[in-house]
C-alpha atoms as a PDB file:
ATOM      1  CA  UNK A   1     -55.303-153.372 124.187  1.00  0.00           C
ATOM      2  CA  UNK A   2     -54.270-150.328 126.218  1.00  0.00           C
ATOM      3  CA  UNK A   3     -54.368-146.943 124.474  1.00  0.00           C
ATOM      4  CA  UNK A   4     -51.266-145.665 126.270  1.00  0.00           C
ATOM      5  CA  UNK A   5     -47.903-147.422 126.081  1.00  0.00           C
ATOM      6  CA  UNK A   6     -45.656-147.899 129.121  1.00  0.00           C
ATOM      7  CA  UNK A   7     -43.140-145.315 127.880  1.00  0.00           C
ATOM      8  CA  UNK A   8     -42.174-142.586 130.346  1.00  0.00           C
ATOM      9  CA  UNK A   9     -43.431-139.093 129.452  1.00  0.00           C
ATOM     10  CA  UNK A  10     -40.392-136.943 128.679  1.00  0.00           C
ATOM     11  CA  UNK A  11     -42.131-133.657 127.877  1.00  0.00           C
ATOM     12  CA  UNK A  12     -41.431-130.801 130.278  1.00  0.00           C
ATOM     13  CA  UNK A  13     -43.644-130.943 133.386  1.00  0.00           C
ATOM     14  CA  UNK A  14     -46.736-128.889 132.612  1.00  0.00           C
ATOM     15  CA  UNK A  15     -46.204-128.999 128.828  1.00  0.00           C
ATOM     16  CA  UNK A  16     -49.436-128.519 126.885  1.00  0.00           C
ATOM     17  CA  UNK A  17     -48.551-131.575 124.807  1.00  0.00           C
ATOM     18  CA  UNK A  18     -49.868-133.576 127.759  1.00  0.00           C
ATOM     19  CA  UNK A  19     -53.300-132.043 127.153  1.00  0.00           C
ATOM     20  CA  UNK A  20     -53.164-133.055 123.493  1.00  0.00           C
ATOM     21  CA  UNK A  21     -52.187-136.593 124.474  1.00  0.00           C
ATOM     22  CA  UNK A  22     -54.965-136.807 127.062  1.00  0.00           C
ATOM     23  CA  UNK A  23     -57.578-135.487 124.636  1.00  0.00           C
ATOM     24  CA  UNK A  24     -56.471-137.964 121.977  1.00  0.00           C
ATOM     25  CA  UNK A  25     -56.599-140.801 124.485  1.00  0.00           C
ATOM     26  CA  UNK A  26     -60.147-139.785 125.457  1.00  0.00           C
ATOM     27  CA  UNK A  27     -61.123-139.732 121.770  1.00  0.00           C
ATOM     28  CA  UNK A  28     -59.729-143.247 121.248  1.00  0.00           C
ATOM     29  CA  UNK A  29     -61.564-144.777 124.209  1.00  0.00           C
ATOM     30  CA  UNK A  30     -64.031-147.531 123.283  1.00  0.00           C
ATOM     31  CA  UNK A  31     -62.645-147.649 119.741  1.00  0.00           C
ATOM     32  CA  UNK A  32     -60.900-150.595 118.086  1.00  0.00           C
ATOM     33  CA  UNK A  33     -57.261-149.495 118.003  1.00  0.00           C
ATOM     34  CA  UNK A  34     -56.612-151.941 115.164  1.00  0.00           C
ATOM     35  CA  UNK A  35     -58.670-149.618 112.948  1.00  0.00           C
ATOM     36  CA  UNK A  36     -56.273-146.699 113.583  1.00  0.00           C
ATOM     37  CA  UNK A  37     -52.771-145.727 112.503  1.00  0.00           C
ATOM     38  CA  UNK A  38     -50.523-142.793 113.376  1.00  0.00           C
ATOM     39  CA  UNK A  39     -47.738-140.738 111.860  1.00  0.00           C
ATOM     40  CA  UNK A  40     -45.656-138.036 113.554  1.00  0.00           C
ATOM     41  CA  UNK A  41     -42.719-135.902 112.470  1.00  0.00           C
ATOM     42  CA  UNK A  42     -39.693-134.433 114.225  1.00  0.00           C
ATOM     43  CA  UNK A  43     -40.073-132.185 117.258  1.00  0.00           C
ATOM     44  CA  UNK A  44     -41.533-132.185 120.758  1.00  0.00           C
ATOM     45  CA  UNK A  45     -44.949-133.055 119.333  1.00  0.00           C
ATOM     46  CA  UNK A  46     -43.582-136.275 117.830  1.00  0.00           C
ATOM     47  CA  UNK A  47     -43.141-137.950 121.212  1.00  0.00           C
ATOM     48  CA  UNK A  48     -46.886-138.595 121.103  1.00  0.00           C
ATOM     49  CA  UNK A  49     -45.968-141.421 118.725  1.00  0.00           C
ATOM     50  CA  UNK A  50     -44.240-143.197 121.636  1.00  0.00           C
ATOM     51  CA  UNK A  51     -47.175-142.812 124.010  1.00  0.00           C
ATOM     52  CA  UNK A  52     -50.082-144.041 121.868  1.00  0.00           C
ATOM     53  CA  UNK A  53     -50.357-147.759 121.263  1.00  0.00           C
ATOM     54  CA  UNK A  54     -51.014-147.420 117.533  1.00  0.00           C
ATOM     55  CA  UNK A  55     -49.161-148.749 114.498  1.00  0.00           C
ATOM     56  CA  UNK A  56     -47.647-146.246 112.101  1.00  0.00           C
ATOM     57  CA  UNK A  57     -44.566-144.272 111.162  1.00  0.00           C
ATOM     58  CA  UNK A  58     -42.476-141.766 113.103  1.00  0.00           C
ATOM     59  CA  UNK A  59     -41.177-140.095 110.008  1.00  0.00           C
ATOM     60  CA  UNK A  60     -38.770-137.412 108.764  1.00  0.00           C
ATOM     61  CA  UNK A  61     -39.119-133.704 109.412  1.00  0.00           C
ATOM     62  CA  UNK A  62     -42.054-132.345 107.394  1.00  0.00           C
ATOM     63  CA  UNK A  63     -43.078-135.719 105.959  1.00  0.00           C
ATOM     64  CA  UNK A  64     -46.091-136.617 108.089  1.00  0.00           C
ATOM     65  CA  UNK A  65     -48.620-135.985 105.311  1.00  0.00           C
ATOM     66  CA  UNK A  66     -47.009-138.244 102.665  1.00  0.00           C
ATOM     67  CA  UNK A  67     -46.912-141.056 105.218  1.00  0.00           C
ATOM     68  CA  UNK A  68     -50.584-140.552 106.080  1.00  0.00           C
ATOM     69  CA  UNK A  69     -51.495-140.470 102.409  1.00  0.00           C
ATOM     70  CA  UNK A  70     -49.531-143.651 101.742  1.00  0.00           C
ATOM     71  CA  UNK A  71     -51.290-145.483 104.548  1.00  0.00           C
ATOM     72  CA  UNK A  72     -54.703-144.385 103.275  1.00  0.00           C
ATOM     73  CA  UNK A  73     -53.949-145.461  99.720  1.00  0.00           C
ATOM     74  CA  UNK A  74     -52.693-148.847 100.924  1.00  0.00           C
ATOM     75  CA  UNK A  75     -55.631-149.366 103.294  1.00  0.00           C
ATOM     76  CA  UNK A  76     -58.506-146.871 102.880  1.00  0.00           C
ATOM     77  CA  UNK A  77     -60.333-148.428 105.840  1.00  0.00           C
ATOM     78  CA  UNK A  78     -57.682-147.227 108.297  1.00  0.00           C
ATOM     79  CA  UNK A  79     -58.452-144.182 110.431  1.00  0.00           C
ATOM     80  CA  UNK A  80     -55.176-142.286 110.107  1.00  0.00           C
ATOM     81  CA  UNK A  81     -54.045-139.582 112.537  1.00  0.00           C
ATOM     82  CA  UNK A  82     -51.105-137.331 111.659  1.00  0.00           C
ATOM     83  CA  UNK A  83     -49.341-135.170 114.261  1.00  0.00           C
ATOM     84  CA  UNK A  84     -46.938-132.351 113.389  1.00  0.00           C
ATOM     85  CA  UNK A  85     -45.424-129.260 114.988  1.00  0.00           C
ATOM     86  CA  UNK A  86     -45.652-125.798 113.440  1.00  0.00           C
ATOM     87  CA  UNK A  87     -42.081-126.045 112.173  1.00  0.00           C
ATOM     88  CA  UNK A  88     -42.744-129.548 110.899  1.00  0.00           C
ATOM     89  CA  UNK A  89     -45.981-128.507 109.187  1.00  0.00           C
ATOM     90  CA  UNK A  90     -45.421-124.906 108.052  1.00  0.00           C
ATOM     91  CA  UNK A  91     -41.684-124.896 107.309  1.00  0.00           C
ATOM     92  CA  UNK A  92     -40.317-128.270 106.166  1.00  0.00           C
ATOM     93  CA  UNK A  93     -43.759-129.665 105.321  1.00  0.00           C
ATOM     94  CA  UNK A  94     -45.537-126.649 103.825  1.00  0.00           C
ATOM     95  CA  UNK A  95     -45.521-128.034 100.277  1.00  0.00           C
ATOM     96  CA  UNK A  96     -47.148-131.285 101.358  1.00  0.00           C
ATOM     97  CA  UNK A  97     -49.743-129.358 103.372  1.00  0.00           C
ATOM     98  CA  UNK A  98     -50.839-127.282 100.362  1.00  0.00           C
ATOM     99  CA  UNK A  99     -51.269-130.373  98.210  1.00  0.00           C
ATOM    100  CA  UNK A 100     -53.091-132.244 100.980  1.00  0.00           C
ATOM    101  CA  UNK A 101     -55.891-129.729 100.511  1.00  0.00           C
ATOM    102  CA  UNK A 102     -56.011-130.590  96.793  1.00  0.00           C
ATOM    103  CA  UNK A 103     -55.925-134.343  97.310  1.00  0.00           C
ATOM    104  CA  UNK A 104     -58.536-134.388 100.106  1.00  0.00           C
ATOM    105  CA  UNK A 105     -57.471-137.769 101.425  1.00  0.00           C
ATOM    106  CA  UNK A 106     -59.590-138.968 104.322  1.00  0.00           C
ATOM    107  CA  UNK A 107     -57.283-138.501 107.318  1.00  0.00           C
ATOM    108  CA  UNK A 108     -56.837-136.084 110.228  1.00  0.00           C
ATOM    109  CA  UNK A 109     -53.813-133.803 110.552  1.00  0.00           C
ATOM    110  CA  UNK A 110     -53.141-132.191 113.965  1.00  0.00           C
ATOM    111  CA  UNK A 111     -50.624-129.348 114.165  1.00  0.00           C
ATOM    112  CA  UNK A 112     -49.197-128.504 117.607  1.00  0.00           C
ATOM    113  CA  UNK A 113     -48.460-124.795 117.111  1.00  0.00           C
ATOM    114  CA  UNK A 114     -46.278-123.218 119.796  1.00  0.00           C
ATOM    115  CA  UNK A 115     -44.785-120.728 117.293  1.00  0.00           C
ATOM    116  CA  UNK A 116     -41.175-121.917 117.783  1.00  0.00           C
ATOM    117  CA  UNK A 117     -38.888-124.848 117.001  1.00  0.00           C
ATOM    118  CA  UNK A 118     -38.995-125.821 120.686  1.00  0.00           C
ATOM    119  CA  UNK A 119     -37.029-129.091 120.507  1.00  0.00           C
ATOM    120  CA  UNK A 120     -34.018-127.326 118.989  1.00  0.00           C
ATOM    121  CA  UNK A 121     -34.251-124.519 121.564  1.00  0.00           C
ATOM    122  CA  UNK A 122     -36.602-121.988 120.072  1.00  0.00           C
ATOM    123  CA  UNK A 123     -35.643-120.861 116.595  1.00  0.00           C
ATOM    124  CA  UNK A 124     -38.574-119.043 114.916  1.00  0.00           C
ATOM    125  CA  UNK A 125     -41.021-120.854 112.636  1.00  0.00           C
ATOM    126  CA  UNK A 126     -43.435-119.552 110.018  1.00  0.00           C
ATOM    127  CA  UNK A 127     -45.953-118.594 112.711  1.00  0.00           C
ATOM    128  CA  UNK A 128     -43.544-116.778 115.051  1.00  0.00           C
ATOM    129  CA  UNK A 129     -44.554-113.171 115.710  1.00  0.00           C
ATOM    130  CA  UNK A 130     -42.516-110.164 114.532  1.00  0.00           C
ATOM    131  CA  UNK A 131     -39.971-108.930 117.057  1.00  0.00           C
ATOM    132  CA  UNK A 132     -39.372-112.365 118.602  1.00  0.00           C
ATOM    133  CA  UNK A 133     -35.748-112.630 119.759  1.00  0.00           C
ATOM    134  CA  UNK A 134     -33.611-115.761 119.971  1.00  0.00           C
ATOM    135  CA  UNK A 135     -29.948-116.634 119.342  1.00  0.00           C
ATOM    136  CA  UNK A 136     -30.496-116.832 115.593  1.00  0.00           C
ATOM    137  CA  UNK A 137     -32.412-113.526 115.518  1.00  0.00           C
ATOM    138  CA  UNK A 138     -30.742-111.248 118.106  1.00  0.00           C
ATOM    139  CA  UNK A 139     -32.393-108.172 116.564  1.00  0.00           C
ATOM    140  CA  UNK A 140     -35.818-109.798 116.414  1.00  0.00           C
ATOM    141  CA  UNK A 141     -37.797-111.550 113.670  1.00  0.00           C
ATOM    142  CA  UNK A 142     -38.530-109.093 110.867  1.00  0.00           C
ATOM    143  CA  UNK A 143     -41.030-111.078 108.803  1.00  0.00           C
ATOM    144  CA  UNK A 144     -44.777-111.349 109.362  1.00  0.00           C
ATOM    145  CA  UNK A 145     -46.107-114.804 110.325  1.00  0.00           C
ATOM    146  CA  UNK A 146     -48.356-116.774 108.007  1.00  0.00           C
ATOM    147  CA  UNK A 147     -51.985-117.426 108.939  1.00  0.00           C
ATOM    148  CA  UNK A 148     -52.434-121.223 108.568  1.00  0.00           C
ATOM    149  CA  UNK A 149     -56.222-121.089 108.898  1.00  0.00           C
ATOM    150  CA  UNK A 150     -56.479-118.570 106.063  1.00  0.00           C
ATOM    151  CA  UNK A 151     -54.010-120.625 104.022  1.00  0.00           C
ATOM    152  CA  UNK A 152     -56.027-123.816 104.414  1.00  0.00           C
ATOM    153  CA  UNK A 153     -59.269-122.070 103.497  1.00  0.00           C
ATOM    154  CA  UNK A 154     -57.721-120.485 100.423  1.00  0.00           C
ATOM    155  CA  UNK A 155     -56.424-123.851  99.210  1.00  0.00           C
ATOM    156  CA  UNK A 156     -59.707-125.722  99.449  1.00  0.00           C
ATOM    157  CA  UNK A 157     -59.328-127.726 102.653  1.00  0.00           C
ATOM    158  CA  UNK A 158     -62.641-129.447 103.423  1.00  0.00           C
ATOM    159  CA  UNK A 159     -62.364-129.343 107.239  1.00  0.00           C
ATOM    160  CA  UNK A 160     -60.546-126.453 108.936  1.00  0.00           C
ATOM    161  CA  UNK A 161     -60.477-126.136 112.714  1.00  0.00           C
ATOM    162  CA  UNK A 162     -58.467-124.591 115.532  1.00  0.00           C
ATOM    163  CA  UNK A 163     -58.601-125.292 119.264  1.00  0.00           C
ATOM    164  CA  UNK A 164     -56.566-124.467 122.347  1.00  0.00           C
ATOM    165  CA  UNK A 165     -54.477-127.199 123.968  1.00  0.00           C
ATOM    166  CA  UNK A 166     -57.237-128.335 126.289  1.00  0.00           C
ATOM    167  CA  UNK A 167     -58.059-132.033 126.559  1.00  0.00           C
ATOM    168  CA  UNK A 168     -61.818-131.502 126.241  1.00  0.00           C
ATOM    169  CA  UNK A 169     -61.418-129.374 123.121  1.00  0.00           C
ATOM    170  CA  UNK A 170     -59.001-131.910 121.618  1.00  0.00           C
ATOM    171  CA  UNK A 171     -61.417-134.786 122.208  1.00  0.00           C
ATOM    172  CA  UNK A 172     -64.330-132.822 120.739  1.00  0.00           C
ATOM    173  CA  UNK A 173     -62.565-131.664 117.580  1.00  0.00           C
ATOM    174  CA  UNK A 174     -61.093-135.138 116.918  1.00  0.00           C
ATOM    175  CA  UNK A 175     -64.603-136.583 117.177  1.00  0.00           C
ATOM    176  CA  UNK A 176     -65.872-134.041 114.635  1.00  0.00           C
ATOM    177  CA  UNK A 177     -62.933-134.687 112.295  1.00  0.00           C
ATOM    178  CA  UNK A 178     -63.498-138.443 112.627  1.00  0.00           C
ATOM    179  CA  UNK A 179     -67.035-138.010 111.277  1.00  0.00           C
ATOM    180  CA  UNK A 180     -65.793-135.910 108.343  1.00  0.00           C
ATOM    181  CA  UNK A 181     -65.006-137.608 105.044  1.00  0.00           C
ATOM    182  CA  UNK A 182     -61.926-135.888 103.653  1.00  0.00           C
ATOM    183  CA  UNK A 183     -58.773-134.083 104.791  1.00  0.00           C
ATOM    184  CA  UNK A 184     -59.281-132.665 108.290  1.00  0.00           C
ATOM    185  CA  UNK A 185     -56.883-129.909 109.359  1.00  0.00           C
ATOM    186  CA  UNK A 186     -56.755-129.133 113.085  1.00  0.00           C
ATOM    187  CA  UNK A 187     -54.444-126.521 114.530  1.00  0.00           C
ATOM    188  CA  UNK A 188     -53.838-126.558 118.282  1.00  0.00           C
ATOM    189  CA  UNK A 189     -52.632-123.357 119.937  1.00  0.00           C
ATOM    190  CA  UNK A 190     -50.103-124.885 122.297  1.00  0.00           C
ATOM    191  CA  UNK A 191     -47.860-122.376 124.132  1.00  0.00           C
ATOM    192  CA  UNK A 192     -44.362-123.653 124.939  1.00  0.00           C
ATOM    193  CA  UNK A 193     -43.938-123.075 128.677  1.00  0.00           C
ATOM    194  CA  UNK A 194     -40.154-122.715 128.296  1.00  0.00           C
ATOM    195  CA  UNK A 195     -39.515-120.835 125.045  1.00  0.00           C
ATOM    196  CA  UNK A 196     -42.866-119.315 124.065  1.00  0.00           C
ATOM    197  CA  UNK A 197     -45.181-119.071 127.091  1.00  0.00           C
ATOM    198  CA  UNK A 198     -48.877-118.244 126.835  1.00  0.00           C
ATOM    199  CA  UNK A 199     -49.097-114.510 126.118  1.00  0.00           C
ATOM    200  CA  UNK A 200     -52.729-114.250 127.044  1.00  0.00           C
ATOM    201  CA  UNK A 201     -54.031-116.496 124.257  1.00  0.00           C
ATOM    202  CA  UNK A 202     -56.343-118.582 126.420  1.00  0.00           C
ATOM    203  CA  UNK A 203     -58.121-115.514 127.825  1.00  0.00           C
ATOM    204  CA  UNK A 204     -58.690-114.150 124.317  1.00  0.00           C
ATOM    205  CA  UNK A 205     -60.227-117.314 122.881  1.00  0.00           C
ATOM    206  CA  UNK A 206     -63.904-117.867 122.104  1.00  0.00           C
ATOM    207  CA  UNK A 207     -65.799-120.704 120.445  1.00  0.00           C
ATOM    208  CA  UNK A 208     -67.245-120.159 116.976  1.00  0.00           C
ATOM    209  CA  UNK A 209     -70.201-122.464 117.603  1.00  0.00           C
ATOM    210  CA  UNK A 210     -71.350-120.082 120.350  1.00  0.00           C
ATOM    211  CA  UNK A 211     -71.287-117.060 118.026  1.00  0.00           C
ATOM    212  CA  UNK A 212     -73.726-118.359 115.369  1.00  0.00           C
ATOM    213  CA  UNK A 213     -70.898-118.955 112.895  1.00  0.00           C
ATOM    214  CA  UNK A 214     -71.962-120.771 109.709  1.00  0.00           C
ATOM    215  CA  UNK A 215     -69.239-123.366 109.080  1.00  0.00           C
ATOM    216  CA  UNK A 216     -70.580-124.006 105.560  1.00  0.00           C
ATOM    217  CA  UNK A 217     -69.912-120.383 104.542  1.00  0.00           C
ATOM    218  CA  UNK A 218     -66.408-119.973 103.117  1.00  0.00           C
ATOM    219  CA  UNK A 219     -66.608-116.172 103.065  1.00  0.00           C
ATOM    220  CA  UNK A 220     -67.600-116.110 106.742  1.00  0.00           C
ATOM    221  CA  UNK A 221     -64.794-118.544 107.566  1.00  0.00           C
ATOM    222  CA  UNK A 222     -62.200-116.338 105.859  1.00  0.00           C
ATOM    223  CA  UNK A 223     -63.515-113.340 107.778  1.00  0.00           C
ATOM    224  CA  UNK A 224     -63.145-115.205 111.067  1.00  0.00           C
ATOM    225  CA  UNK A 225     -59.668-116.441 110.109  1.00  0.00           C
ATOM    226  CA  UNK A 226     -58.466-112.843 109.856  1.00  0.00           C
ATOM    227  CA  UNK A 227     -59.472-112.037 113.449  1.00  0.00           C
ATOM    228  CA  UNK A 228     -56.184-113.504 114.715  1.00  0.00           C
ATOM    229  CA  UNK A 229     -53.017-112.938 112.688  1.00  0.00           C
ATOM    230  CA  UNK A 230     -50.535-114.821 114.969  1.00  0.00           C
ATOM    231  CA  UNK A 231     -48.784-111.518 115.559  1.00  0.00           C
ATOM    232  CA  UNK A 232     -50.819-109.020 117.570  1.00  0.00           C
ATOM    233  CA  UNK A 233     -51.359-109.338 121.309  1.00  0.00           C
ATOM    234  CA  UNK A 234     -54.846-107.835 121.228  1.00  0.00           C
ATOM    235  CA  UNK A 235     -58.240-108.951 119.965  1.00  0.00           C
ATOM    236  CA  UNK A 236     -60.213-112.173 120.147  1.00  0.00           C
ATOM    237  CA  UNK A 237     -59.035-115.574 118.918  1.00  0.00           C
ATOM    238  CA  UNK A 238     -61.755-117.754 117.352  1.00  0.00           C
ATOM    239  CA  UNK A 239     -61.685-121.487 118.026  1.00  0.00           C
ATOM    240  CA  UNK A 240     -63.718-124.354 116.642  1.00  0.00           C
ATOM    241  CA  UNK A 241     -64.626-125.418 113.125  1.00  0.00           C
ATOM    242  CA  UNK A 242     -64.123-122.544 110.678  1.00  0.00           C
ATOM    243  CA  UNK A 243     -65.244-124.416 107.597  1.00  0.00           C
ATOM    244  CA  UNK A 244     -66.542-127.813 106.514  1.00  0.00           C
ATOM    245  CA  UNK A 245     -67.658-129.004 103.100  1.00  0.00           C
ATOM    246  CA  UNK A 246     -67.804-132.127 100.936  1.00  0.00           C
ATOM    247  CA  UNK A 247     -65.537-133.036  98.016  1.00  0.00           C
ATOM    248  CA  UNK A 248     -64.427-136.300  96.383  1.00  0.00           C
ATOM    249  CA  UNK A 249     -61.855-138.241  98.413  1.00  0.00           C
ATOM    250  CA  UNK A 250     -58.525-139.016  96.739  1.00  0.00           C
ATOM    251  CA  UNK A 251     -58.216-142.713  97.575  1.00  0.00           C
ATOM    252  CA  UNK A 252     -61.730-143.352  96.277  1.00  0.00           C
ATOM    253  CA  UNK A 253     -60.985-141.534  93.033  1.00  0.00           C
ATOM    254  CA  UNK A 254     -57.842-143.563  92.306  1.00  0.00           C
ATOM    255  CA  UNK A 255     -59.579-146.855  93.101  1.00  0.00           C
ATOM    256  CA  UNK A 256     -62.339-146.004  90.637  1.00  0.00           C
ATOM    257  CA  UNK A 257     -59.665-145.354  88.022  1.00  0.00           C
END
């Protein structure tokens, strides 16, 4: 079975979503696709559902996590991949995301974060920087963005990672998440080339595993999470696995009951 479908790619030419798709395809090579399932939400990110030859659900805005959880409860042996945009994950789906940390179901959740609602022409999301101007905010966004990495750490997520939209990084972090038993949160910094271009993010990034970061240390992870606040245009941006730990998995707990 081919990993890619025969659907035409309809992302903008040069869109970083292509890197996420390529990295995911590389991760899936030599794996039995019948062991995998996918869910995606609403937004540019969600087109990945059309391009990967996996069963699953292209669901409502913000509802990727409940679909992933449902699939895991129904068939715990499935390797479930969830894909969401920053609006999908941090606006409509923020409540589900918080509780996903509590439940610790064994699936991987990938957030394509371009800091705007790109599909509906660039309204701000929860990670949009202060001062950002669009038609709905002609005087600029006045609120400070949330820090999803810090939020996930504070709520007990057992695998917290961030990478740039580079196919090699995507493949690597998906492999690491695949080995983890529990809820794996992966944020992908993915500039929108039309509405929110790269403002020097890639040049500011560095890998945590090359800086002697201890991914088992929650305090150290929180310290690293604060290095980038999704707002300032200066300073380094850490990438890689911030934190990883072990906790009971939800679907195993309910089956024991």
